[in-house]
Amino acid sequence: MSLRLGIFGGTFDPIHLGHLILAELARYLLRLDQVLFVPARIPPHKGSTPTDAERRIRMTRLGTEGNPHFAVSDIELRREGPSYTVDTLRALRDQKPDTEHYLLMGADSARDLESWKDHQVLLEDSTVVVMARPGVDAMDLPPSLGGRTTVLSTPQFDISSSQIRGLVREGGPIRYLVTDSVEGFIRSEGLYRS
């Protein structure tokens, strides 16, 4: 029997409860054995990140600790250059060829999927799973993706990493937006202050 693996990539700057809730819902609804969080070294569609990769992966590990179905991979941090999802998928397939891959993404990312490197390979080699995002209709995907994605009915959380960074910069509260351990890390490292 093959492993059913959810792959959840992102900058996770910082990882927040919206990420965690959606990952857990996807795990449950798709009967995934594990959800693998993959922080990007250099996100090709976003450019640089406010926080270095090492701190982002530490926050991701802190945020996911305690859930036996969650794991964190540094596969993209070990590669030079931009973090292309297709390269990550190939590397994961090489490690465990009999794994079923479910690529988890928000509707905002899915809407731009045609601009991703080798996006057709992603559609052929994995099940692309689209989750709702505020302001983006998960059903409003490019026609070329029609019938090649799975759209999950998930709640929409109006939480974003940029919103959290802004709150920290302004001295506002982030409790209940991130886990206590992630909040503690942000405070102890002095992240997002300026």
N, C-alpha and C. Protein backbone atom coordinates (compact mmCIF):
# COMPACT_ATOMS: atom_id res chain seq x y z
N MET A 1 0.85 -1.18 0.00
CA MET A 1 0.00 0.00 0.00
C MET A 1 0.89 1.24 0.00
N SER A 2 0.61 2.18 -0.88
CA SER A 2 1.46 3.36 -1.00
C SER A 2 1.07 4.43 0.03
N LEU A 3 2.07 5.23 0.36
CA LEU A 3 1.88 6.34 1.29
C LEU A 3 1.15 7.48 0.59
N ARG A 4 0.19 8.06 1.25
CA ARG A 4 -0.55 9.22 0.73
C ARG A 4 0.02 10.45 1.43
N LEU A 5 0.80 11.24 0.67
CA LEU A 5 1.55 12.35 1.23
C LEU A 5 1.04 13.69 0.71
N GLY A 6 0.63 14.56 1.63
CA GLY A 6 0.29 15.93 1.28
C GLY A 6 1.54 16.78 1.34
N ILE A 7 1.76 17.59 0.31
CA ILE A 7 2.93 18.47 0.26
C ILE A 7 2.42 19.90 0.32
N PHE A 8 2.81 20.61 1.35
CA PHE A 8 2.34 21.97 1.59
C PHE A 8 3.55 22.90 1.59
N GLY A 9 3.79 23.56 0.47
CA GLY A 9 4.91 24.47 0.35
C GLY A 9 4.50 25.89 0.65
N GLY A 10 5.48 26.72 0.96
CA GLY A 10 5.23 28.13 1.21
C GLY A 10 6.42 28.79 1.85
N THR A 11 6.30 30.08 2.08
CA THR A 11 7.39 30.78 2.76
C THR A 11 7.29 30.59 4.27
N PHE A 12 6.07 30.47 4.78
CA PHE A 12 5.84 30.28 6.22
C PHE A 12 6.61 31.34 7.02
N ASP A 13 6.31 32.60 6.73
CA ASP A 13 7.04 33.71 7.32
C ASP A 13 6.09 34.69 8.01
N PRO A 14 5.44 34.25 9.11
CA PRO A 14 5.56 32.99 9.83
C PRO A 14 4.44 32.01 9.45
N ILE A 15 4.62 30.77 9.88
CA ILE A 15 3.54 29.79 9.80
C ILE A 15 2.46 30.24 10.78
N HIS A 16 1.20 30.10 10.38
CA HIS A 16 0.11 30.56 11.26
C HIS A 16 -0.98 29.49 11.36
N LEU A 17 -1.96 29.77 12.21
CA LEU A 17 -3.02 28.79 12.47
C LEU A 17 -3.84 28.48 11.23
N GLY A 18 -4.00 29.42 10.31
CA GLY A 18 -4.69 29.13 9.06
C GLY A 18 -4.00 28.02 8.29
N HIS A 19 -2.66 28.06 8.20
CA HIS A 19 -1.90 27.00 7.55
C HIS A 19 -2.18 25.65 8.22
N LEU A 20 -2.09 25.66 9.54
CA LEU A 20 -2.22 24.41 10.30
C LEU A 20 -3.62 23.82 10.21
N ILE A 21 -4.62 24.66 10.30
CA ILE A 21 -6.01 24.17 10.22
C ILE A 21 -6.29 23.59 8.84
N LEU A 22 -5.87 24.29 7.79
CA LEU A 22 -6.11 23.79 6.43
C LEU A 22 -5.36 22.49 6.17
N ALA A 23 -4.14 22.40 6.67
CA ALA A 23 -3.37 21.17 6.49
C ALA A 23 -4.05 19.99 7.19
N GLU A 24 -4.55 20.23 8.38
CA GLU A 24 -5.22 19.16 9.12
C GLU A 24 -6.53 18.76 8.45
N LEU A 25 -7.28 19.74 7.97
CA LEU A 25 -8.52 19.42 7.25
C LEU A 25 -8.23 18.63 5.98
N ALA A 26 -7.22 19.05 5.22
CA ALA A 26 -6.86 18.31 4.01
C ALA A 26 -6.43 16.89 4.35
N ARG A 27 -5.66 16.74 5.42
CA ARG A 27 -5.23 15.41 5.85
C ARG A 27 -6.44 14.52 6.13
N TYR A 28 -7.40 15.06 6.83
CA TYR A 28 -8.59 14.30 7.18
C TYR A 28 -9.45 14.00 5.95
N LEU A 29 -9.76 15.02 5.17
CA LEU A 29 -10.68 14.85 4.04
C LEU A 29 -10.10 13.96 2.94
N LEU A 30 -8.80 14.01 2.75
CA LEU A 30 -8.16 13.22 1.69
C LEU A 30 -7.55 11.91 2.21
N ARG A 31 -7.72 11.67 3.51
CA ARG A 31 -7.16 10.47 4.13
C ARG A 31 -5.65 10.36 3.88
N LEU A 32 -4.96 11.47 4.10
CA LEU A 32 -3.51 11.50 3.92
C LEU A 32 -2.83 10.87 5.12
N ASP A 33 -1.74 10.18 4.87
CA ASP A 33 -0.95 9.61 5.96
C ASP A 33 -0.12 10.67 6.65
N GLN A 34 0.31 11.67 5.87
CA GLN A 34 1.17 12.71 6.42
C GLN A 34 1.05 13.97 5.57
N VAL A 35 1.24 15.11 6.22
CA VAL A 35 1.37 16.38 5.50
C VAL A 35 2.79 16.87 5.74
N LEU A 36 3.50 17.10 4.64
CA LEU A 36 4.88 17.55 4.69
C LEU A 36 4.93 19.05 4.37
N PHE A 37 5.35 19.84 5.35
CA PHE A 37 5.51 21.28 5.16
C PHE A 37 6.89 21.52 4.57
N VAL A 38 6.94 22.29 3.48
CA VAL A 38 8.20 22.51 2.76
C VAL A 38 8.45 24.01 2.62
N PRO A 39 9.19 24.60 3.57
CA PRO A 39 9.52 26.02 3.43
C PRO A 39 10.42 26.26 2.22
N ALA A 40 10.11 27.29 1.46
CA ALA A 40 10.88 27.62 0.25
C ALA A 40 12.14 28.38 0.62
N ARG A 41 13.22 28.06 -0.06
CA ARG A 41 14.46 28.82 0.11
C ARG A 41 14.30 30.20 -0.52
N ILE A 42 14.01 30.20 -1.81
CA ILE A 42 13.76 31.44 -2.54
C ILE A 42 12.47 31.25 -3.32
N PRO A 43 11.35 31.79 -2.83
CA PRO A 43 10.08 31.61 -3.54
C PRO A 43 10.10 32.33 -4.88
N PRO A 44 9.97 31.59 -6.00
CA PRO A 44 10.10 32.22 -7.32
C PRO A 44 9.06 33.30 -7.61
N HIS A 45 7.88 33.21 -7.01
CA HIS A 45 6.83 34.19 -7.31
C HIS A 45 6.79 35.35 -6.31
N LYS A 46 7.60 35.26 -5.26
CA LYS A 46 7.57 36.32 -4.25
C LYS A 46 8.90 37.04 -4.12
N GLY A 47 9.97 36.43 -4.57
CA GLY A 47 11.29 37.04 -4.39
C GLY A 47 11.80 36.82 -2.98
N SER A 48 12.48 37.81 -2.45
CA SER A 48 13.09 37.65 -1.13
C SER A 48 12.02 37.66 -0.03
N THR A 49 12.40 37.10 1.10
CA THR A 49 11.50 37.04 2.26
C THR A 49 12.10 37.89 3.38
N PRO A 50 11.25 38.41 4.27
CA PRO A 50 11.77 39.24 5.38
C PRO A 50 12.69 38.45 6.32
N THR A 51 12.46 37.14 6.42
CA THR A 51 13.18 36.32 7.39
C THR A 51 14.01 35.27 6.66
N ASP A 52 15.21 35.02 7.17
CA ASP A 52 16.08 34.03 6.53
C ASP A 52 15.47 32.63 6.64
N ALA A 53 15.93 31.76 5.76
CA ALA A 53 15.35 30.42 5.63
C ALA A 53 15.49 29.60 6.92
N GLU A 54 16.62 29.73 7.60
CA GLU A 54 16.84 28.94 8.82
C GLU A 54 15.82 29.29 9.90
N ARG A 55 15.50 30.54 10.08
CA ARG A 55 14.50 30.93 11.08
C ARG A 55 13.10 30.51 10.64
N ARG A 56 12.82 30.58 9.34
CA ARG A 56 11.50 30.17 8.86
C ARG A 56 11.27 28.69 9.07
N ILE A 57 12.30 27.87 8.85
CA ILE A 57 12.12 26.43 9.07
C ILE A 57 12.00 26.14 10.56
N ARG A 58 12.70 26.89 11.40
CA ARG A 58 12.56 26.69 12.84
C ARG A 58 11.13 27.03 13.29
N MET A 59 10.58 28.13 12.75
CA MET A 59 9.19 28.46 13.09
C MET A 59 8.23 27.39 12.59
N THR A 60 8.49 26.85 11.41
CA THR A 60 7.61 25.82 10.86
C THR A 60 7.66 24.57 11.72
N ARG A 61 8.84 24.20 12.18
CA ARG A 61 8.96 23.04 13.07
C ARG A 61 8.24 23.28 14.40
N LEU A 62 8.40 24.49 14.94
CA LEU A 62 7.70 24.82 16.18
C LEU A 62 6.19 24.78 15.99
N GLY A 63 5.71 25.32 14.88
CA GLY A 63 4.28 25.38 14.63
C GLY A 63 3.63 24.03 14.42
N THR A 64 4.39 23.08 13.90
CA THR A 64 3.82 21.77 13.58
C THR A 64 4.08 20.71 14.65
N GLU A 65 4.91 21.05 15.63
CA GLU A 65 5.22 20.06 16.66
C GLU A 65 3.95 19.65 17.40
N GLY A 66 3.90 18.44 17.79
CA GLY A 66 2.74 17.95 18.53
C GLY A 66 1.71 17.27 17.65
N ASN A 67 1.80 17.43 16.33
CA ASN A 67 0.87 16.72 15.44
C ASN A 67 1.66 15.58 14.78
N PRO A 68 1.36 14.33 15.13
CA PRO A 68 2.13 13.21 14.58
C PRO A 68 1.96 13.03 13.08
N HIS A 69 0.98 13.70 12.48
CA HIS A 69 0.76 13.57 11.04
C HIS A 69 1.45 14.67 10.24
N PHE A 70 2.12 15.60 10.94
CA PHE A 70 2.82 16.69 10.28
C PHE A 70 4.32 16.44 10.35
N ALA A 71 5.01 16.78 9.27
CA ALA A 71 6.47 16.74 9.22
C ALA A 71 6.94 17.98 8.47
N VAL A 72 8.21 18.31 8.64
CA VAL A 72 8.80 19.47 7.98
C VAL A 72 10.03 19.00 7.22
N SER A 73 10.17 19.46 5.98
CA SER A 73 11.31 19.09 5.16
C SER A 73 12.14 20.32 4.82
N ASP A 74 13.46 20.14 4.85
CA ASP A 74 14.37 21.22 4.44
C ASP A 74 14.88 21.00 3.02
N ILE A 75 14.18 20.19 2.24
CA ILE A 75 14.63 19.80 0.90
C ILE A 75 14.88 21.02 0.01
N GLU A 76 14.06 22.05 0.11
CA GLU A 76 14.25 23.23 -0.72
C GLU A 76 15.34 24.14 -0.17
N LEU A 77 15.59 24.07 1.12
CA LEU A 77 16.62 24.90 1.73
C LEU A 77 18.01 24.39 1.39
N ARG A 78 18.11 23.10 1.09
CA ARG A 78 19.40 22.49 0.75
C ARG A 78 19.76 22.70 -0.72
N ARG A 79 18.82 23.18 -1.53
CA ARG A 79 19.08 23.41 -2.95
C ARG A 79 19.39 24.88 -3.19
N GLU A 80 20.31 25.14 -4.08
CA GLU A 80 20.62 26.52 -4.46
C GLU A 80 19.55 27.03 -5.42
N GLY A 81 19.42 28.33 -5.48
CA GLY A 81 18.53 28.95 -6.45
C GLY A 81 17.08 28.94 -6.02
N PRO A 82 16.20 29.35 -6.94
CA PRO A 82 14.76 29.41 -6.64
C PRO A 82 14.18 28.04 -6.29
N SER A 83 13.17 28.04 -5.45
CA SER A 83 12.51 26.80 -5.00
C SER A 83 11.35 26.47 -5.93
N TYR A 84 11.63 25.69 -6.95
CA TYR A 84 10.59 25.28 -7.88
C TYR A 84 9.92 24.00 -7.37
N THR A 85 8.61 24.04 -7.26
CA THR A 85 7.85 22.91 -6.74
C THR A 85 8.08 21.65 -7.55
N VAL A 86 8.20 21.78 -8.86
CA VAL A 86 8.39 20.60 -9.71
C VAL A 86 9.70 19.88 -9.35
N ASP A 87 10.75 20.63 -9.01
CA ASP A 87 12.02 20.01 -8.61
C ASP A 87 11.87 19.28 -7.28
N THR A 88 11.12 19.89 -6.37
CA THR A 88 10.87 19.25 -5.07
C THR A 88 10.08 17.97 -5.25
N LEU A 89 9.05 18.02 -6.08
CA LEU A 89 8.23 16.83 -6.33
C LEU A 89 9.07 15.70 -6.93
N ARG A 90 9.94 16.04 -7.88
CA ARG A 90 10.82 15.02 -8.48
C ARG A 90 11.74 14.40 -7.42
N ALA A 91 12.32 15.24 -6.58
CA ALA A 91 13.22 14.74 -5.54
C ALA A 91 12.48 13.85 -4.55
N LEU A 92 11.27 14.24 -4.17
CA LEU A 92 10.49 13.40 -3.25
C LEU A 92 10.11 12.09 -3.91
N ARG A 93 9.80 12.12 -5.20
CA ARG A 93 9.46 10.89 -5.91
C ARG A 93 10.67 9.96 -6.00
N ASP A 94 11.85 10.53 -6.19
CA ASP A 94 13.07 9.72 -6.22
C ASP A 94 13.32 9.04 -4.88
N GLN A 95 13.00 9.73 -3.79
CA GLN A 95 13.22 9.18 -2.45
C GLN A 95 12.26 8.03 -2.15
N LYS A 96 10.99 8.20 -2.54
CA LYS A 96 9.97 7.18 -2.27
C LYS A 96 9.07 7.07 -3.49
N PRO A 97 9.45 6.23 -4.46
CA PRO A 97 8.72 6.16 -5.73
C PRO A 97 7.26 5.71 -5.61
N ASP A 98 6.91 4.97 -4.59
CA ASP A 98 5.55 4.44 -4.50
C ASP A 98 4.60 5.34 -3.73
N THR A 99 4.97 6.60 -3.52
CA THR A 99 4.15 7.54 -2.76
C THR A 99 3.17 8.28 -3.68
N GLU A 100 1.93 8.42 -3.21
CA GLU A 100 0.95 9.26 -3.90
C GLU A 100 1.10 10.68 -3.36
N HIS A 101 1.36 11.64 -4.26
CA HIS A 101 1.58 13.02 -3.85
C HIS A 101 0.34 13.87 -4.07
N TYR A 102 0.00 14.64 -3.03
CA TYR A 102 -1.11 15.57 -3.07
C TYR A 102 -0.52 16.96 -2.80
N LEU A 103 -0.51 17.79 -3.81
CA LEU A 103 0.08 19.11 -3.70
C LEU A 103 -0.99 20.08 -3.20
N LEU A 104 -0.83 20.54 -1.96
CA LEU A 104 -1.82 21.40 -1.31
C LEU A 104 -1.49 22.86 -1.58
N MET A 105 -2.50 23.62 -2.04
CA MET A 105 -2.27 25.04 -2.29
C MET A 105 -3.56 25.83 -2.15
N GLY A 106 -3.40 27.10 -1.88
CA GLY A 106 -4.54 28.00 -1.82
C GLY A 106 -5.02 28.33 -3.22
N ALA A 107 -6.26 28.78 -3.31
CA ALA A 107 -6.85 29.12 -4.60
C ALA A 107 -6.07 30.25 -5.28
N ASP A 108 -5.45 31.13 -4.49
CA ASP A 108 -4.66 32.21 -5.08
C ASP A 108 -3.45 31.65 -5.83
N SER A 109 -2.80 30.65 -5.27
CA SER A 109 -1.67 30.00 -5.95
C SER A 109 -2.14 29.21 -7.16
N ALA A 110 -3.24 28.49 -7.01
CA ALA A 110 -3.77 27.68 -8.12
C ALA A 110 -4.14 28.54 -9.31
N ARG A 111 -4.65 29.72 -9.03
CA ARG A 111 -5.02 30.64 -10.10
C ARG A 111 -3.82 30.99 -10.98
N ASP A 112 -2.62 31.00 -10.37
CA ASP A 112 -1.39 31.36 -11.09
C ASP A 112 -0.57 30.14 -11.50
N LEU A 113 -1.12 28.94 -11.34
CA LEU A 113 -0.35 27.71 -11.55
C LEU A 113 0.24 27.61 -12.96
N GLU A 114 -0.44 28.15 -13.94
CA GLU A 114 0.07 28.06 -15.32
C GLU A 114 1.40 28.78 -15.49
N SER A 115 1.73 29.71 -14.59
CA SER A 115 3.00 30.43 -14.69
C SER A 115 4.13 29.70 -13.96
N TRP A 116 3.82 28.59 -13.28
CA TRP A 116 4.84 27.85 -12.55
C TRP A 116 5.70 27.04 -13.51
N LYS A 117 6.94 26.83 -13.13
CA LYS A 117 7.85 26.02 -13.93
C LYS A 117 7.27 24.61 -14.10
N ASP A 118 7.18 24.14 -15.34
CA ASP A 118 6.71 22.79 -15.67
C ASP A 118 5.40 22.44 -14.97
N HIS A 119 4.45 23.36 -14.99
CA HIS A 119 3.20 23.13 -14.26
C HIS A 119 2.46 21.90 -14.77
N GLN A 120 2.63 21.56 -16.04
CA GLN A 120 1.96 20.35 -16.57
C GLN A 120 2.47 19.09 -15.87
N VAL A 121 3.75 19.08 -15.54
CA VAL A 121 4.33 17.94 -14.83
C VAL A 121 3.70 17.81 -13.45
N LEU A 122 3.48 18.95 -12.79
CA LEU A 122 2.83 18.92 -11.47
C LEU A 122 1.45 18.28 -11.57
N LEU A 123 0.72 18.65 -12.61
CA LEU A 123 -0.63 18.12 -12.80
C LEU A 123 -0.62 16.63 -13.14
N GLU A 124 0.43 16.18 -13.79
CA GLU A 124 0.52 14.76 -14.17
C GLU A 124 1.05 13.88 -13.04
N ASP A 125 1.97 14.43 -12.24
CA ASP A 125 2.66 13.63 -11.24
C ASP A 125 2.10 13.75 -9.83
N SER A 126 1.09 14.58 -9.66
CA SER A 126 0.50 14.73 -8.32
C SER A 126 -0.97 15.08 -8.47
N THR A 127 -1.68 14.97 -7.38
CA THR A 127 -3.04 15.49 -7.32
C THR A 127 -2.93 16.89 -6.75
N VAL A 128 -3.31 17.89 -7.54
CA VAL A 128 -3.27 19.27 -7.08
C VAL A 128 -4.56 19.54 -6.31
N VAL A 129 -4.41 19.91 -5.06
CA VAL A 129 -5.54 20.13 -4.16
C VAL A 129 -5.65 21.62 -3.88
N VAL A 130 -6.80 22.19 -4.21
CA VAL A 130 -7.02 23.63 -4.08
C VAL A 130 -7.92 23.89 -2.88
N MET A 131 -7.47 24.83 -2.02
CA MET A 131 -8.23 25.20 -0.84
C MET A 131 -8.62 26.67 -0.94
N ALA A 132 -9.75 27.01 -0.37
CA ALA A 132 -10.28 28.37 -0.46
C ALA A 132 -9.35 29.38 0.20
N ARG A 133 -9.34 30.59 -0.39
CA ARG A 133 -8.62 31.73 0.18
C ARG A 133 -9.55 32.93 0.12
N PRO A 134 -9.53 33.79 1.13
CA PRO A 134 -10.39 34.98 1.10
C PRO A 134 -10.15 35.81 -0.17
N GLY A 135 -11.22 36.18 -0.83
CA GLY A 135 -11.14 37.01 -2.01
C GLY A 135 -10.86 36.27 -3.30
N VAL A 136 -10.71 34.95 -3.24
CA VAL A 136 -10.42 34.16 -4.44
C VAL A 136 -11.39 32.99 -4.48
N ASP A 137 -12.13 32.87 -5.54
CA ASP A 137 -13.07 31.77 -5.70
C ASP A 137 -12.30 30.53 -6.14
N ALA A 138 -12.33 29.49 -5.32
CA ALA A 138 -11.60 28.26 -5.62
C ALA A 138 -12.11 27.59 -6.89
N MET A 139 -13.30 27.93 -7.32
CA MET A 139 -13.85 27.34 -8.55
C MET A 139 -13.45 28.15 -9.79
N ASP A 140 -12.86 29.32 -9.59
CA ASP A 140 -12.49 30.19 -10.70
C ASP A 140 -11.03 29.95 -11.09
N LEU A 141 -10.77 28.76 -11.61
CA LEU A 141 -9.42 28.37 -11.99
C LEU A 141 -9.26 28.46 -13.50
N PRO A 142 -8.02 28.58 -13.97
CA PRO A 142 -7.81 28.62 -15.41
C PRO A 142 -8.41 27.39 -16.09
N PRO A 143 -8.96 27.55 -17.28
CA PRO A 143 -9.60 26.43 -17.98
C PRO A 143 -8.68 25.23 -18.19
N SER A 144 -7.39 25.48 -18.35
CA SER A 144 -6.45 24.37 -18.57
C SER A 144 -6.34 23.45 -17.36
N LEU A 145 -6.76 23.92 -16.19
CA LEU A 145 -6.70 23.09 -14.98
C LEU A 145 -7.99 22.32 -14.76
N GLY A 146 -8.99 22.63 -15.54
CA GLY A 146 -10.30 22.00 -15.37
C GLY A 146 -10.22 20.49 -15.34
N GLY A 147 -10.79 19.92 -14.30
CA GLY A 147 -10.83 18.47 -14.16
C GLY A 147 -9.51 17.85 -13.73
N ARG A 148 -8.48 18.67 -13.53
CA ARG A 148 -7.18 18.13 -13.16
C ARG A 148 -6.78 18.53 -11.75
N THR A 149 -7.72 19.11 -11.04
CA THR A 149 -7.47 19.51 -9.66
C THR A 149 -8.61 19.01 -8.78
N THR A 150 -8.33 18.91 -7.50
CA THR A 150 -9.35 18.58 -6.52
C THR A 150 -9.58 19.83 -5.68
N VAL A 151 -10.81 20.31 -5.65
CA VAL A 151 -11.14 21.50 -4.86
C VAL A 151 -11.77 21.03 -3.56
N LEU A 152 -11.15 21.41 -2.44
CA LEU A 152 -11.68 21.05 -1.13
C LEU A 152 -12.56 22.17 -0.61
N SER A 153 -13.66 21.79 -0.03
CA SER A 153 -14.52 22.76 0.62
C SER A 153 -13.96 22.99 2.03
N THR A 154 -13.23 24.07 2.19
CA THR A 154 -12.60 24.38 3.47
C THR A 154 -13.03 25.77 3.92
N PRO A 155 -13.01 25.99 5.22
CA PRO A 155 -13.35 27.33 5.69
C PRO A 155 -12.30 28.33 5.24
N GLN A 156 -12.70 29.58 5.11
CA GLN A 156 -11.76 30.63 4.73
C GLN A 156 -11.34 31.39 5.97
N PHE A 157 -10.04 31.47 6.16
CA PHE A 157 -9.49 32.20 7.29
C PHE A 157 -8.79 33.44 6.77
N ASP A 158 -9.20 34.58 7.24
CA ASP A 158 -8.58 35.81 6.80
C ASP A 158 -7.37 36.11 7.68
N ILE A 159 -6.42 35.19 7.61
CA ILE A 159 -5.16 35.31 8.33
C ILE A 159 -4.07 35.23 7.29
N SER A 160 -3.13 36.14 7.35
CA SER A 160 -2.00 36.06 6.42
C SER A 160 -0.71 36.34 7.18
N SER A 161 0.37 35.81 6.65
CA SER A 161 1.68 36.06 7.25
C SER A 161 2.03 37.54 7.22
N SER A 162 1.67 38.22 6.12
CA SER A 162 1.99 39.66 6.03
C SER A 162 1.20 40.45 7.08
N GLN A 163 -0.04 40.03 7.35
CA GLN A 163 -0.84 40.67 8.40
C GLN A 163 -0.16 40.49 9.76
N ILE A 164 0.33 39.30 10.03
CA ILE A 164 1.00 39.02 11.31
C ILE A 164 2.28 39.83 11.44
N ARG A 165 3.05 39.91 10.37
CA ARG A 165 4.28 40.72 10.41
C ARG A 165 3.94 42.19 10.70
N GLY A 166 2.86 42.68 10.08
CA GLY A 166 2.44 44.06 10.32
C GLY A 166 2.02 44.29 11.76
N LEU A 167 1.31 43.34 12.33
CA LEU A 167 0.90 43.47 13.74
C LEU A 167 2.10 43.52 14.66
N VAL A 168 3.08 42.66 14.41
CA VAL A 168 4.29 42.66 15.25
C VAL A 168 5.01 44.00 15.11
N ARG A 169 5.14 44.48 13.88
CA ARG A 169 5.82 45.76 13.62
C ARG A 169 5.14 46.91 14.39
N GLU A 170 3.80 46.84 14.47
CA GLU A 170 3.05 47.90 15.16
C GLU A 170 2.89 47.67 16.66
N GLY A 171 3.43 46.54 17.16
CA GLY A 171 3.30 46.23 18.57
C GLY A 171 1.96 45.62 18.93
N GLY A 172 1.25 45.13 17.94
CA GLY A 172 -0.07 44.53 18.17
C GLY A 172 0.01 43.08 18.59
N PRO A 173 -1.13 42.50 19.00
CA PRO A 173 -1.17 41.11 19.46
C PRO A 173 -1.23 40.13 18.28
N ILE A 174 -0.55 39.01 18.45
CA ILE A 174 -0.63 37.93 17.45
C ILE A 174 -1.09 36.62 18.10
N ARG A 175 -1.45 36.70 19.36
CA ARG A 175 -1.96 35.52 20.04
C ARG A 175 -3.21 35.03 19.31
N TYR A 176 -3.36 33.74 19.19
CA TYR A 176 -4.46 33.08 18.49
C TYR A 176 -4.34 33.18 16.96
N LEU A 177 -3.28 33.81 16.46
CA LEU A 177 -3.01 33.80 15.02
C LEU A 177 -1.89 32.81 14.71
N VAL A 178 -0.98 32.63 15.67
CA VAL A 178 0.12 31.67 15.56
C VAL A 178 0.11 30.83 16.84
N THR A 179 0.84 29.73 16.83
CA THR A 179 0.94 28.93 18.05
C THR A 179 1.76 29.70 19.08
N ASP A 180 1.60 29.32 20.35
CA ASP A 180 2.35 29.98 21.41
C ASP A 180 3.86 29.86 21.18
N SER A 181 4.30 28.68 20.69
CA SER A 181 5.74 28.48 20.48
C SER A 181 6.27 29.37 19.36
N VAL A 182 5.47 29.57 18.30
CA VAL A 182 5.89 30.46 17.21
C VAL A 182 5.90 31.90 17.70
N GLU A 183 4.90 32.29 18.47
CA GLU A 183 4.89 33.66 19.02
C GLU A 183 6.12 33.89 19.89
N GLY A 184 6.43 32.92 20.74
CA GLY A 184 7.61 33.04 21.60
C GLY A 184 8.89 33.18 20.79
N PHE A 185 8.99 32.43 19.70
CA PHE A 185 10.17 32.51 18.84
C PHE A 185 10.27 33.88 18.18
N ILE A 186 9.15 34.37 17.65
CA ILE A 186 9.14 35.69 17.02
C ILE A 186 9.59 36.75 18.00
N ARG A 187 9.07 36.70 19.23
CA ARG A 187 9.43 37.69 20.25
C ARG A 187 10.90 37.55 20.65
N SER A 188 11.36 36.32 20.89
CA SER A 188 12.74 36.14 21.36
C SER A 188 13.77 36.50 20.29
N GLU A 189 13.42 36.31 19.02
CA GLU A 189 14.35 36.63 17.93
C GLU A 189 14.21 38.08 17.45
N GLY A 190 13.19 38.76 17.95
CA GLY A 190 12.98 40.15 17.53
C GLY A 190 12.58 40.28 16.06
N LEU A 191 11.85 39.29 15.56
CA LEU A 191 11.48 39.28 14.14
C LEU A 191 10.40 40.33 13.85
N TYR A 192 10.43 40.86 12.64
CA TYR A 192 9.40 41.74 12.07
C TYR A 192 9.29 43.09 12.77
N ARG A 193 10.25 43.45 13.58
CA ARG A 193 10.17 44.72 14.32
C ARG A 193 10.33 45.92 13.41
N SER A 194 11.18 45.81 12.40
CA SER A 194 11.38 46.97 11.51
C SER A 194 11.53 46.52 10.08
